[in-house]
Amino acid sequence: MTGYKVSQEIIRFHSRLKEFTVNYTSSDRAMEVRHRWEELLPRGGGTVRIDEHDKYEYLGEPIRDQDEDRGPLY
């Protein structure tokens, strides 16, 4: 198979325990750790709005939020 290029991506995982563990030395430090965790989540905390949710058999009960006029959250 000469002449063909195969793309690749090498991903290395490493421990970042200290960056994601609160040691309670200060409230500023705790907020830094919380912010790092929040950066891992999608915007909105990973919830989605599903219009006409009762059409879908397996969704279960939606989460009710403060903005109910925009629809239920899952």
PDB file of N, CA and C in Angstrom:
ATOM      1  N   MET A   1       0.829  -1.180   0.000  1.00  0.00           N
ATOM      2  CA  MET A   1       0.000   0.000   0.000  1.00  0.00           C
ATOM      3  C   MET A   1       0.882   1.254   0.000  1.00  0.00           C
ATOM      4  N   THR A   2       1.750   1.338  -0.866  1.00  0.00           N
ATOM      5  CA  THR A   2       2.592   2.526  -0.936  1.00  0.00           C
ATOM      6  C   THR A   2       1.801   3.688  -1.519  1.00  0.00           C
ATOM      7  N   GLY A   3       2.166   4.884  -1.097  1.00  0.00           N
ATOM      8  CA  GLY A   3       1.506   6.070  -1.613  1.00  0.00           C
ATOM      9  C   GLY A   3       0.298   6.525  -0.802  1.00  0.00           C
ATOM     10  N   TYR A   4      -0.158   5.714   0.140  1.00  0.00           N
ATOM     11  CA  TYR A   4      -1.298   6.097   0.972  1.00  0.00           C
ATOM     12  C   TYR A   4      -0.794   6.616   2.307  1.00  0.00           C
ATOM     13  N   LYS A   5      -1.381   7.717   2.758  1.00  0.00           N
ATOM     14  CA  LYS A   5      -1.054   8.236   4.080  1.00  0.00           C
ATOM     15  C   LYS A   5      -2.225   7.966   5.009  1.00  0.00           C
ATOM     16  N   VAL A   6      -1.897   7.501   6.162  1.00  0.00           N
ATOM     17  CA  VAL A   6      -2.914   7.252   7.178  1.00  0.00           C
ATOM     18  C   VAL A   6      -2.695   8.282   8.283  1.00  0.00           C
ATOM     19  N   SER A   7      -3.732   9.055   8.561  1.00  0.00           N
ATOM     20  CA  SER A   7      -3.585  10.049   9.621  1.00  0.00           C
ATOM     21  C   SER A   7      -3.637   9.354  10.977  1.00  0.00           C
ATOM     22  N   GLN A   8      -2.964   9.957  11.921  1.00  0.00           N
ATOM     23  CA  GLN A   8      -2.972   9.402  13.267  1.00  0.00           C
ATOM     24  C   GLN A   8      -2.899  10.528  14.277  1.00  0.00           C
ATOM     25  N   GLU A   9      -3.373  10.223  15.458  1.00  0.00           N
ATOM     26  CA  GLU A   9      -3.293  11.155  16.563  1.00  0.00           C
ATOM     27  C   GLU A   9      -2.913  10.355  17.791  1.00  0.00           C
ATOM     28  N   ILE A  10      -1.880  10.767  18.453  1.00  0.00           N
ATOM     29  CA  ILE A  10      -1.437  10.087  19.662  1.00  0.00           C
ATOM     30  C   ILE A  10      -1.904  10.908  20.856  1.00  0.00           C
ATOM     31  N   ILE A  11      -2.656  10.263  21.722  1.00  0.00           N
ATOM     32  CA  ILE A  11      -3.157  10.921  22.924  1.00  0.00           C
ATOM     33  C   ILE A  11      -2.554  10.217  24.125  1.00  0.00           C
ATOM     34  N   ARG A  12      -1.936  11.002  24.981  1.00  0.00           N
ATOM     35  CA  ARG A  12      -1.343  10.446  26.201  1.00  0.00           C
ATOM     36  C   ARG A  12      -2.130  10.952  27.396  1.00  0.00           C
ATOM     37  N   PHE A  13      -2.510  10.044  28.239  1.00  0.00           N
ATOM     38  CA  PHE A  13      -3.219  10.401  29.453  1.00  0.00           C
ATOM     39  C   PHE A  13      -2.228  10.421  30.602  1.00  0.00           C
ATOM     40  N   HIS A  14      -2.382  11.381  31.470  1.00  0.00           N
ATOM     41  CA  HIS A  14      -1.527  11.439  32.645  1.00  0.00           C
ATOM     42  C   HIS A  14      -2.347  11.902  33.836  1.00  0.00           C
ATOM     43  N   SER A  15      -1.878  11.581  34.996  1.00  0.00           N
ATOM     44  CA  SER A  15      -2.587  11.914  36.226  1.00  0.00           C
ATOM     45  C   SER A  15      -2.535  13.406  36.491  1.00  0.00           C
ATOM     46  N   ARG A  16      -3.683  13.951  36.808  1.00  0.00           N
ATOM     47  CA  ARG A  16      -3.773  15.359  37.191  1.00  0.00           C
ATOM     48  C   ARG A  16      -4.535  15.463  38.504  1.00  0.00           C
ATOM     49  N   LEU A  17      -4.291  14.515  39.383  1.00  0.00           N
ATOM     50  CA  LEU A  17      -5.029  14.410  40.629  1.00  0.00           C
ATOM     51  C   LEU A  17      -4.970  15.697  41.449  1.00  0.00           C
ATOM     52  N   LYS A  18      -3.794  16.288  41.567  1.00  0.00           N
ATOM     53  CA  LYS A  18      -3.657  17.497  42.381  1.00  0.00           C
ATOM     54  C   LYS A  18      -4.459  18.662  41.811  1.00  0.00           C
ATOM     55  N   GLU A  19      -4.604  18.693  40.484  1.00  0.00           N
ATOM     56  CA  GLU A  19      -5.355  19.787  39.853  1.00  0.00           C
ATOM     57  C   GLU A  19      -6.858  19.668  40.073  1.00  0.00           C
ATOM     58  N   PHE A  20      -7.341  18.465  40.340  1.00  0.00           N
ATOM     59  CA  PHE A  20      -8.770  18.235  40.464  1.00  0.00           C
ATOM     60  C   PHE A  20      -9.200  17.811  41.863  1.00  0.00           C
ATOM     61  N   THR A  21      -8.319  17.965  42.848  1.00  0.00           N
ATOM     62  CA  THR A  21      -8.632  17.607  44.223  1.00  0.00           C
ATOM     63  C   THR A  21      -8.535  18.840  45.101  1.00  0.00           C
ATOM     64  N   VAL A  22      -9.596  19.103  45.844  1.00  0.00           N
ATOM     65  CA  VAL A  22      -9.599  20.254  46.745  1.00  0.00           C
ATOM     66  C   VAL A  22      -8.864  19.870  48.024  1.00  0.00           C
ATOM     67  N   ASN A  23      -7.890  20.701  48.421  1.00  0.00           N
ATOM     68  CA  ASN A  23      -7.191  20.436  49.673  1.00  0.00           C
ATOM     69  C   ASN A  23      -7.639  21.389  50.781  1.00  0.00           C
ATOM     70  N   TYR A  24      -8.613  22.235  50.475  1.00  0.00           N
ATOM     71  CA  TYR A  24      -9.246  23.135  51.439  1.00  0.00           C
ATOM     72  C   TYR A  24      -8.270  24.068  52.147  1.00  0.00           C
ATOM     73  N   THR A  25      -7.213  24.481  51.462  1.00  0.00           N
ATOM     74  CA  THR A  25      -6.294  25.443  52.054  1.00  0.00           C
ATOM     75  C   THR A  25      -6.855  26.856  51.968  1.00  0.00           C
ATOM     76  N   SER A  26      -7.715  27.101  50.974  1.00  0.00           N
ATOM     77  CA  SER A  26      -8.362  28.407  50.858  1.00  0.00           C
ATOM     78  C   SER A  26      -9.587  28.286  49.972  1.00  0.00           C
ATOM     79  N   SER A  27     -10.491  29.233  50.124  1.00  0.00           N
ATOM     80  CA  SER A  27     -11.687  29.206  49.278  1.00  0.00           C
ATOM     81  C   SER A  27     -11.328  29.528  47.826  1.00  0.00           C
ATOM     82  N   ASP A  28     -10.276  30.344  47.631  1.00  0.00           N
ATOM     83  CA  ASP A  28      -9.833  30.632  46.258  1.00  0.00           C
ATOM     84  C   ASP A  28      -9.347  29.368  45.567  1.00  0.00           C
ATOM     85  N   ARG A  29      -8.579  28.572  46.294  1.00  0.00           N
ATOM     86  CA  ARG A  29      -8.079  27.304  45.744  1.00  0.00           C
ATOM     87  C   ARG A  29      -9.237  26.366  45.423  1.00  0.00           C
ATOM     88  N   ALA A  30     -10.224  26.310  46.300  1.00  0.00           N
ATOM     89  CA  ALA A  30     -11.388  25.455  46.075  1.00  0.00           C
ATOM     90  C   ALA A  30     -12.141  25.899  44.821  1.00  0.00           C
ATOM     91  N   MET A  31     -12.252  27.200  44.613  1.00  0.00           N
ATOM     92  CA  MET A  31     -12.938  27.707  43.427  1.00  0.00           C
ATOM     93  C   MET A  31     -12.144  27.406  42.149  1.00  0.00           C
ATOM     94  N   GLU A  32     -10.828  27.426  42.223  1.00  0.00           N
ATOM     95  CA  GLU A  32     -10.004  27.056  41.066  1.00  0.00           C
ATOM     96  C   GLU A  32     -10.282  25.614  40.660  1.00  0.00           C
ATOM     97  N   VAL A  33     -10.330  24.731  41.654  1.00  0.00           N
ATOM     98  CA  VAL A  33     -10.582  23.310  41.381  1.00  0.00           C
ATOM     99  C   VAL A  33     -11.990  23.133  40.812  1.00  0.00           C
ATOM    100  N   ARG A  34     -12.949  23.819  41.393  1.00  0.00           N
ATOM    101  CA  ARG A  34     -14.326  23.723  40.889  1.00  0.00           C
ATOM    102  C   ARG A  34     -14.389  24.184  39.433  1.00  0.00           C
ATOM    103  N   HIS A  35     -13.710  25.277  39.131  1.00  0.00           N
ATOM    104  CA  HIS A  35     -13.691  25.789  37.759  1.00  0.00           C
ATOM    105  C   HIS A  35     -13.094  24.763  36.795  1.00  0.00           C
ATOM    106  N   ARG A  36     -12.045  24.065  37.210  1.00  0.00           N
ATOM    107  CA  ARG A  36     -11.450  23.027  36.344  1.00  0.00           C
ATOM    108  C   ARG A  36     -12.460  21.921  36.047  1.00  0.00           C
ATOM    109  N   TRP A  37     -13.202  21.506  37.086  1.00  0.00           N
ATOM    110  CA  TRP A  37     -14.217  20.475  36.871  1.00  0.00           C
ATOM    111  C   TRP A  37     -15.304  20.979  35.926  1.00  0.00           C
ATOM    112  N   GLU A  38     -15.735  22.222  36.109  1.00  0.00           N
ATOM    113  CA  GLU A  38     -16.779  22.782  35.254  1.00  0.00           C
ATOM    114  C   GLU A  38     -16.333  22.872  33.805  1.00  0.00           C
ATOM    115  N   GLU A  39     -15.045  23.090  33.572  1.00  0.00           N
ATOM    116  CA  GLU A  39     -14.535  23.156  32.202  1.00  0.00           C
ATOM    117  C   GLU A  39     -14.641  21.819  31.479  1.00  0.00           C
ATOM    118  N   LEU A  40     -14.738  20.729  32.224  1.00  0.00           N
ATOM    119  CA  LEU A  40     -14.859  19.404  31.612  1.00  0.00           C
ATOM    120  C   LEU A  40     -16.271  19.136  31.090  1.00  0.00           C
ATOM    121  N   LEU A  41     -17.248  19.859  31.621  1.00  0.00           N
ATOM    122  CA  LEU A  41     -18.640  19.642  31.239  1.00  0.00           C
ATOM    123  C   LEU A  41     -19.025  20.510  30.054  1.00  0.00           C
ATOM    124  N   PRO A  42     -19.965  20.050  29.251  1.00  0.00           N
ATOM    125  CA  PRO A  42     -20.456  20.905  28.172  1.00  0.00           C
ATOM    126  C   PRO A  42     -21.208  22.102  28.746  1.00  0.00           C
ATOM    127  N   ARG A  43     -21.319  23.168  27.964  1.00  0.00           N
ATOM    128  CA  ARG A  43     -22.052  24.350  28.400  1.00  0.00           C
ATOM    129  C   ARG A  43     -23.462  23.949  28.810  1.00  0.00           C
ATOM    130  N   GLY A  44     -23.929  24.475  29.916  1.00  0.00           N
ATOM    131  CA  GLY A  44     -25.256  24.121  30.422  1.00  0.00           C
ATOM    132  C   GLY A  44     -25.231  22.910  31.322  1.00  0.00           C
ATOM    133  N   GLY A  45     -24.051  22.384  31.612  1.00  0.00           N
ATOM    134  CA  GLY A  45     -23.945  21.245  32.514  1.00  0.00           C
ATOM    135  C   GLY A  45     -24.299  19.914  31.887  1.00  0.00           C
ATOM    136  N   GLY A  46     -24.442  19.884  30.584  1.00  0.00           N
ATOM    137  CA  GLY A  46     -24.730  18.619  29.916  1.00  0.00           C
ATOM    138  C   GLY A  46     -26.207  18.314  29.783  1.00  0.00           C
ATOM    139  N   THR A  47     -27.069  19.276  30.092  1.00  0.00           N
ATOM    140  CA  THR A  47     -28.496  19.044  29.917  1.00  0.00           C
ATOM    141  C   THR A  47     -28.934  19.524  28.539  1.00  0.00           C
ATOM    142  N   VAL A  48     -29.996  18.937  28.049  1.00  0.00           N
ATOM    143  CA  VAL A  48     -30.544  19.332  26.750  1.00  0.00           C
ATOM    144  C   VAL A  48     -32.050  19.516  26.879  1.00  0.00           C
ATOM    145  N   ARG A  49     -32.591  20.401  26.070  1.00  0.00           N
ATOM    146  CA  ARG A  49     -34.041  20.577  26.005  1.00  0.00           C
ATOM    147  C   ARG A  49     -34.578  19.700  24.884  1.00  0.00           C
ATOM    148  N   ILE A  50     -35.662  19.006  25.170  1.00  0.00           N
ATOM    149  CA  ILE A  50     -36.278  18.140  24.169  1.00  0.00           C
ATOM    150  C   ILE A  50     -37.735  18.552  24.027  1.00  0.00           C
ATOM    151  N   ASP A  51     -38.041  19.166  22.913  1.00  0.00           N
ATOM    152  CA  ASP A  51     -39.424  19.545  22.645  1.00  0.00           C
ATOM    153  C   ASP A  51     -40.258  18.291  22.427  1.00  0.00           C
ATOM    154  N   GLU A  52     -41.497  18.344  22.826  1.00  0.00           N
ATOM    155  CA  GLU A  52     -42.430  17.228  22.672  1.00  0.00           C
ATOM    156  C   GLU A  52     -41.843  15.939  23.252  1.00  0.00           C
ATOM    157  N   HIS A  53     -41.325  16.073  24.462  1.00  0.00           N
ATOM    158  CA  HIS A  53     -40.636  14.940  25.092  1.00  0.00           C
ATOM    159  C   HIS A  53     -41.546  13.738  25.310  1.00  0.00           C
ATOM    160  N   ASP A  54     -42.862  13.952  25.405  1.00  0.00           N
ATOM    161  CA  ASP A  54     -43.756  12.821  25.641  1.00  0.00           C
ATOM    162  C   ASP A  54     -43.879  11.902  24.427  1.00  0.00           C
ATOM    163  N   LYS A  55     -43.333  12.278  23.294  1.00  0.00           N
ATOM    164  CA  LYS A  55     -43.317  11.409  22.114  1.00  0.00           C
ATOM    165  C   LYS A  55     -42.270  10.303  22.236  1.00  0.00           C
ATOM    166  N   TYR A  56     -41.327  10.456  23.164  1.00  0.00           N
ATOM    167  CA  TYR A  56     -40.216   9.518  23.284  1.00  0.00           C
ATOM    168  C   TYR A  56     -40.427   8.612  24.485  1.00  0.00           C
ATOM    169  N   GLU A  57     -40.544   7.341  24.214  1.00  0.00           N
ATOM    170  CA  GLU A  57     -40.936   6.362  25.221  1.00  0.00           C
ATOM    171  C   GLU A  57     -39.953   6.217  26.380  1.00  0.00           C
ATOM    172  N   TYR A  58     -38.661   6.311  26.133  1.00  0.00           N
ATOM    173  CA  TYR A  58     -37.672   5.951  27.142  1.00  0.00           C
ATOM    174  C   TYR A  58     -37.001   7.122  27.860  1.00  0.00           C
ATOM    175  N   LEU A  59     -37.512   8.329  27.738  1.00  0.00           N
ATOM    176  CA  LEU A  59     -36.866   9.476  28.372  1.00  0.00           C
ATOM    177  C   LEU A  59     -37.111   9.573  29.872  1.00  0.00           C
ATOM    178  N   GLY A  60     -38.220   9.092  30.337  1.00  0.00           N
ATOM    179  CA  GLY A  60     -38.517   9.227  31.756  1.00  0.00           C
ATOM    180  C   GLY A  60     -38.990  10.642  32.064  1.00  0.00           C
ATOM    181  N   GLU A  61     -38.929  11.011  33.338  1.00  0.00           N
ATOM    182  CA  GLU A  61     -39.398  12.327  33.760  1.00  0.00           C
ATOM    183  C   GLU A  61     -38.330  13.384  33.526  1.00  0.00           C
ATOM    184  N   PRO A  62     -38.724  14.520  32.973  1.00  0.00           N
ATOM    185  CA  PRO A  62     -37.747  15.599  32.751  1.00  0.00           C
ATOM    186  C   PRO A  62     -37.399  16.314  34.055  1.00  0.00           C
ATOM    187  N   ILE A  63     -36.291  17.020  34.023  1.00  0.00           N
ATOM    188  CA  ILE A  63     -35.886  17.883  35.126  1.00  0.00           C
ATOM    189  C   ILE A  63     -36.610  19.202  34.925  1.00  0.00           C
ATOM    190  N   ARG A  64     -37.234  19.700  35.938  1.00  0.00           N
ATOM    191  CA  ARG A  64     -37.896  21.002  35.833  1.00  0.00           C
ATOM    192  C   ARG A  64     -36.899  22.076  36.226  1.00  0.00           C
ATOM    193  N   ASP A  65     -36.823  23.115  35.433  1.00  0.00           N
ATOM    194  CA  ASP A  65     -35.904  24.197  35.766  1.00  0.00           C
ATOM    195  C   ASP A  65     -36.655  25.502  35.938  1.00  0.00           C
ATOM    196  N   GLN A  66     -35.927  26.559  36.238  1.00  0.00           N
ATOM    197  CA  GLN A  66     -36.526  27.860  36.498  1.00  0.00           C
ATOM    198  C   GLN A  66     -37.130  28.465  35.244  1.00  0.00           C
ATOM    199  N   ASP A  67     -36.722  28.004  34.099  1.00  0.00           N
ATOM    200  CA  ASP A  67     -37.157  28.581  32.834  1.00  0.00           C
ATOM    201  C   ASP A  67     -38.119  27.630  32.126  1.00  0.00           C
ATOM    202  N   GLU A  68     -39.165  27.227  32.817  1.00  0.00           N
ATOM    203  CA  GLU A  68     -40.065  26.192  32.297  1.00  0.00           C
ATOM    204  C   GLU A  68     -40.743  26.563  30.990  1.00  0.00           C
ATOM    205  N   ASP A  69     -40.854  27.837  30.688  1.00  0.00           N
ATOM    206  CA  ASP A  69     -41.523  28.208  29.450  1.00  0.00           C
ATOM    207  C   ASP A  69     -40.727  27.817  28.219  1.00  0.00           C
ATOM    208  N   ARG A  70     -39.445  27.465  28.385  1.00  0.00           N
ATOM    209  CA  ARG A  70     -38.626  27.033  27.254  1.00  0.00           C
ATOM    210  C   ARG A  70     -38.617  25.522  27.081  1.00  0.00           C
ATOM    211  N   GLY A  71     -39.297  24.798  27.947  1.00  0.00           N
ATOM    212  CA  GLY A  71     -39.386  23.360  27.807  1.00  0.00           C
ATOM    213  C   GLY A  71     -38.615  22.610  28.874  1.00  0.00           C
ATOM    214  N   PRO A  72     -38.904  21.311  29.040  1.00  0.00           N
ATOM    215  CA  PRO A  72     -38.249  20.504  30.063  1.00  0.00           C
ATOM    216  C   PRO A  72     -36.797  20.190  29.701  1.00  0.00           C
ATOM    217  N   LEU A  73     -36.009  19.929  30.719  1.00  0.00           N
ATOM    218  CA  LEU A  73     -34.606  19.572  30.532  1.00  0.00           C
ATOM    219  C   LEU A  73     -34.395  18.105  30.801  1.00  0.00           C
ATOM    220  N   TYR A  74     -33.438  17.539  30.092  1.00  0.00           N
ATOM    221  CA  TYR A  74     -33.013  16.158  30.325  1.00  0.00           C
ATOM    222  C   TYR A  74     -31.520  16.153  30.482  1.00  0.00           C
TER     223      TYR A  74
END
